[in-house]
């Protein structure tokens, strides 16, 4: 399931888990955005859709 046009936003407050998940998904061919909480996640989404 490799799709470079698919972007996934991961939100988690545990930095090690966040990075581990991002690394895995990037290895699977996804573009990944990360946020440490919901507020930051919303900011990331807003920035992506401007």
PDB file of N, CA and C in Angstrom:
ATOM      1  N   UNK A   1       0.843  -1.185   0.000  1.00  0.00           N
ATOM      2  CA  UNK A   1       0.000   0.000   0.000  1.00  0.00           C
ATOM      3  C   UNK A   1       0.883   1.242   0.000  1.00  0.00           C
ATOM      4  N   UNK A   2       1.586   1.472  -1.035  1.00  0.00           N
ATOM      5  CA  UNK A   2       2.469   2.627  -1.127  1.00  0.00           C
ATOM      6  C   UNK A   2       1.774   3.722  -1.917  1.00  0.00           C
ATOM      7  N   UNK A   3       1.623   4.856  -1.265  1.00  0.00           N
ATOM      8  CA  UNK A   3       0.946   5.970  -1.901  1.00  0.00           C
ATOM      9  C   UNK A   3       1.561   7.266  -1.387  1.00  0.00           C
ATOM     10  N   UNK A   4       2.509   7.814  -2.128  1.00  0.00           N
ATOM     11  CA  UNK A   4       3.218   9.016  -1.702  1.00  0.00           C
ATOM     12  C   UNK A   4       2.312  10.232  -1.637  1.00  0.00           C
ATOM     13  N   UNK A   5       1.133  10.153  -2.241  1.00  0.00           N
ATOM     14  CA  UNK A   5       0.233  11.306  -2.188  1.00  0.00           C
ATOM     15  C   UNK A   5      -0.647  11.287  -0.941  1.00  0.00           C
ATOM     16  N   UNK A   6      -0.572  10.231  -0.161  1.00  0.00           N
ATOM     17  CA  UNK A   6      -1.361  10.138   1.061  1.00  0.00           C
ATOM     18  C   UNK A   6      -0.541  10.656   2.235  1.00  0.00           C
ATOM     19  N   UNK A   7      -1.113  11.627   2.949  1.00  0.00           N
ATOM     20  CA  UNK A   7      -0.457  12.191   4.123  1.00  0.00           C
ATOM     21  C   UNK A   7      -1.231  11.784   5.368  1.00  0.00           C
ATOM     22  N   UNK A   8      -0.504  11.354   6.375  1.00  0.00           N
ATOM     23  CA  UNK A   8      -1.108  10.928   7.633  1.00  0.00           C
ATOM     24  C   UNK A   8      -0.624  11.835   8.746  1.00  0.00           C
ATOM     25  N   UNK A   9      -1.559  12.320   9.551  1.00  0.00           N
ATOM     26  CA  UNK A   9      -1.230  13.116  10.728  1.00  0.00           C
ATOM     27  C   UNK A   9      -1.296  12.211  11.951  1.00  0.00           C
ATOM     28  N   UNK A  10      -0.185  12.145  12.684  1.00  0.00           N
ATOM     29  CA  UNK A  10      -0.120  11.344  13.899  1.00  0.00           C
ATOM     30  C   UNK A  10      -0.088  12.301  15.085  1.00  0.00           C
ATOM     31  N   UNK A  11      -0.960  12.062  16.054  1.00  0.00           N
ATOM     32  CA  UNK A  11      -0.992  12.878  17.261  1.00  0.00           C
ATOM     33  C   UNK A  11      -0.802  11.962  18.459  1.00  0.00           C
ATOM     34  N   UNK A  12       0.246  12.250  19.241  1.00  0.00           N
ATOM     35  CA  UNK A  12       0.496  11.475  20.454  1.00  0.00           C
ATOM     36  C   UNK A  12       1.414  12.274  21.361  1.00  0.00           C
ATOM     37  N   UNK A  13       1.227  12.150  22.655  1.00  0.00           N
ATOM     38  CA  UNK A  13       2.034  12.930  23.590  1.00  0.00           C
ATOM     39  C   UNK A  13       3.312  12.217  24.026  1.00  0.00           C
ATOM     40  N   UNK A  14       3.553  11.037  23.509  1.00  0.00           N
ATOM     41  CA  UNK A  14       4.769  10.292  23.827  1.00  0.00           C
ATOM     42  C   UNK A  14       5.738  10.399  22.643  1.00  0.00           C
ATOM     43  N   UNK A  15       6.804  11.202  22.768  1.00  0.00           N
ATOM     44  CA  UNK A  15       7.707  11.452  21.639  1.00  0.00           C
ATOM     45  C   UNK A  15       8.300  10.186  21.014  1.00  0.00           C
ATOM     46  N   UNK A  16       8.675   9.212  21.815  1.00  0.00           N
ATOM     47  CA  UNK A  16       9.278   7.997  21.265  1.00  0.00           C
ATOM     48  C   UNK A  16       8.275   7.227  20.409  1.00  0.00           C
ATOM     49  N   UNK A  17       7.036   7.116  20.873  1.00  0.00           N
ATOM     50  CA  UNK A  17       6.007   6.430  20.091  1.00  0.00           C
ATOM     51  C   UNK A  17       5.699   7.202  18.819  1.00  0.00           C
ATOM     52  N   UNK A  18       5.587   8.510  18.934  1.00  0.00           N
ATOM     53  CA  UNK A  18       5.288   9.371  17.788  1.00  0.00           C
ATOM     54  C   UNK A  18       6.339   9.177  16.702  1.00  0.00           C
ATOM     55  N   UNK A  19       7.600   9.215  17.083  1.00  0.00           N
ATOM     56  CA  UNK A  19       8.673   9.056  16.097  1.00  0.00           C
ATOM     57  C   UNK A  19       8.706   7.651  15.520  1.00  0.00           C
ATOM     58  N   UNK A  20       8.490   6.657  16.361  1.00  0.00           N
ATOM     59  CA  UNK A  20       8.484   5.278  15.895  1.00  0.00           C
ATOM     60  C   UNK A  20       7.374   5.046  14.860  1.00  0.00           C
ATOM     61  N   UNK A  21       6.193   5.545  15.150  1.00  0.00           N
ATOM     62  CA  UNK A  21       5.076   5.389  14.223  1.00  0.00           C
ATOM     63  C   UNK A  21       5.339   6.142  12.923  1.00  0.00           C
ATOM     64  N   UNK A  22       5.889   7.343  13.038  1.00  0.00           N
ATOM     65  CA  UNK A  22       6.204   8.128  11.847  1.00  0.00           C
ATOM     66  C   UNK A  22       7.229   7.405  10.976  1.00  0.00           C
ATOM     67  N   UNK A  23       8.269   6.871  11.596  1.00  0.00           N
ATOM     68  CA  UNK A  23       9.289   6.133  10.842  1.00  0.00           C
ATOM     69  C   UNK A  23       8.676   4.950  10.108  1.00  0.00           C
ATOM     70  N   UNK A  24       7.816   4.206  10.797  1.00  0.00           N
ATOM     71  CA  UNK A  24       7.176   3.046  10.179  1.00  0.00           C
ATOM     72  C   UNK A  24       6.327   3.462   8.975  1.00  0.00           C
ATOM     73  N   UNK A  25       5.500   4.476   9.156  1.00  0.00           N
ATOM     74  CA  UNK A  25       4.616   4.900   8.069  1.00  0.00           C
ATOM     75  C   UNK A  25       5.397   5.489   6.892  1.00  0.00           C
ATOM     76  N   UNK A  26       6.460   6.209   7.176  1.00  0.00           N
ATOM     77  CA  UNK A  26       7.301   6.730   6.099  1.00  0.00           C
ATOM     78  C   UNK A  26       7.940   5.582   5.332  1.00  0.00           C
ATOM     79  N   UNK A  27       8.368   4.550   6.034  1.00  0.00           N
ATOM     80  CA  UNK A  27       8.929   3.369   5.374  1.00  0.00           C
ATOM     81  C   UNK A  27       7.898   2.690   4.475  1.00  0.00           C
ATOM     82  N   UNK A  28       6.624   2.844   4.810  1.00  0.00           N
ATOM     83  CA  UNK A  28       5.553   2.262   4.008  1.00  0.00           C
ATOM     84  C   UNK A  28       5.170   3.155   2.828  1.00  0.00           C
ATOM     85  N   UNK A  29       5.808   4.326   2.725  1.00  0.00           N
ATOM     86  CA  UNK A  29       5.587   5.198   1.573  1.00  0.00           C
ATOM     87  C   UNK A  29       4.644   6.364   1.804  1.00  0.00           C
ATOM     88  N   UNK A  30       4.218   6.576   3.034  1.00  0.00           N
ATOM     89  CA  UNK A  30       3.307   7.681   3.331  1.00  0.00           C
ATOM     90  C   UNK A  30       4.077   8.942   3.694  1.00  0.00           C
ATOM     91  N   UNK A  31       3.476  10.090   3.424  1.00  0.00           N
ATOM     92  CA  UNK A  31       3.977  11.337   3.964  1.00  0.00           C
ATOM     93  C   UNK A  31       3.384  11.466   5.357  1.00  0.00           C
ATOM     94  N   UNK A  32       4.182  11.901   6.305  1.00  0.00           N
ATOM     95  CA  UNK A  32       3.734  11.930   7.697  1.00  0.00           C
ATOM     96  C   UNK A  32       3.924  13.319   8.280  1.00  0.00           C
ATOM     97  N   UNK A  33       2.914  13.759   9.000  1.00  0.00           N
ATOM     98  CA  UNK A  33       2.991  14.969   9.816  1.00  0.00           C
ATOM     99  C   UNK A  33       2.785  14.519  11.252  1.00  0.00           C
ATOM    100  N   UNK A  34       3.453  15.197  12.188  1.00  0.00           N
ATOM    101  CA  UNK A  34       3.370  14.801  13.589  1.00  0.00           C
ATOM    102  C   UNK A  34       2.951  15.984  14.450  1.00  0.00           C
ATOM    103  N   UNK A  35       2.261  15.664  15.547  1.00  0.00           N
ATOM    104  CA  UNK A  35       1.875  16.673  16.528  1.00  0.00           C
ATOM    105  C   UNK A  35       1.847  16.017  17.898  1.00  0.00           C
ATOM    106  N   UNK A  36       2.242  16.775  18.914  1.00  0.00           N
ATOM    107  CA  UNK A  36       2.297  16.217  20.262  1.00  0.00           C
ATOM    108  C   UNK A  36       0.996  16.349  21.032  1.00  0.00           C
ATOM    109  N   UNK A  37       0.017  17.081  20.482  1.00  0.00           N
ATOM    110  CA  UNK A  37      -1.300  17.145  21.117  1.00  0.00           C
ATOM    111  C   UNK A  37      -2.334  17.618  20.100  1.00  0.00           C
ATOM    112  N   UNK A  38      -3.588  17.593  20.494  1.00  0.00           N
ATOM    113  CA  UNK A  38      -4.665  17.932  19.576  1.00  0.00           C
ATOM    114  C   UNK A  38      -4.611  19.351  19.067  1.00  0.00           C
ATOM    115  N   UNK A  39      -4.243  20.301  19.932  1.00  0.00           N
ATOM    116  CA  UNK A  39      -4.167  21.703  19.516  1.00  0.00           C
ATOM    117  C   UNK A  39      -3.133  21.875  18.408  1.00  0.00           C
ATOM    118  N   UNK A  40      -1.964  21.286  18.610  1.00  0.00           N
ATOM    119  CA  UNK A  40      -0.917  21.362  17.593  1.00  0.00           C
ATOM    120  C   UNK A  40      -1.351  20.613  16.326  1.00  0.00           C
ATOM    121  N   UNK A  41      -2.045  19.513  16.500  1.00  0.00           N
ATOM    122  CA  UNK A  41      -2.559  18.772  15.352  1.00  0.00           C
ATOM    123  C   UNK A  41      -3.485  19.606  14.495  1.00  0.00           C
ATOM    124  N   UNK A  42      -4.353  20.379  15.134  1.00  0.00           N
ATOM    125  CA  UNK A  42      -5.244  21.268  14.386  1.00  0.00           C
ATOM    126  C   UNK A  42      -4.455  22.347  13.652  1.00  0.00           C
ATOM    127  N   UNK A  43      -3.406  22.864  14.282  1.00  0.00           N
ATOM    128  CA  UNK A  43      -2.550  23.858  13.627  1.00  0.00           C
ATOM    129  C   UNK A  43      -1.859  23.259  12.402  1.00  0.00           C
ATOM    130  N   UNK A  44      -1.375  22.036  12.541  1.00  0.00           N
ATOM    131  CA  UNK A  44      -0.730  21.361  11.418  1.00  0.00           C
ATOM    132  C   UNK A  44      -1.729  21.201  10.274  1.00  0.00           C
ATOM    133  N   UNK A  45      -2.943  20.770  10.596  1.00  0.00           N
ATOM    134  CA  UNK A  45      -3.965  20.604   9.538  1.00  0.00           C
ATOM    135  C   UNK A  45      -4.276  21.937   8.877  1.00  0.00           C
ATOM    136  N   UNK A  46      -4.421  23.000   9.666  1.00  0.00           N
ATOM    137  CA  UNK A  46      -4.693  24.317   9.087  1.00  0.00           C
ATOM    138  C   UNK A  46      -3.573  24.744   8.158  1.00  0.00           C
ATOM    139  N   UNK A  47      -2.327  24.532   8.553  1.00  0.00           N
ATOM    140  CA  UNK A  47      -1.197  24.915   7.713  1.00  0.00           C
ATOM    141  C   UNK A  47      -1.129  24.115   6.437  1.00  0.00           C
ATOM    142  N   UNK A  48      -1.524  22.854   6.487  1.00  0.00           N
ATOM    143  CA  UNK A  48      -1.497  21.996   5.309  1.00  0.00           C
ATOM    144  C   UNK A  48      -2.561  22.388   4.277  1.00  0.00           C
ATOM    145  N   UNK A  49      -3.643  22.995   4.738  1.00  0.00           N
ATOM    146  CA  UNK A  49      -4.771  23.283   3.858  1.00  0.00           C
ATOM    147  C   UNK A  49      -4.927  24.760   3.524  1.00  0.00           C
ATOM    148  N   UNK A  50      -3.848  25.519   3.625  1.00  0.00           N
ATOM    149  CA  UNK A  50      -3.918  26.941   3.285  1.00  0.00           C
ATOM    150  C   UNK A  50      -3.563  27.166   1.851  1.00  0.00           C
TER     151      UNK A  50
END
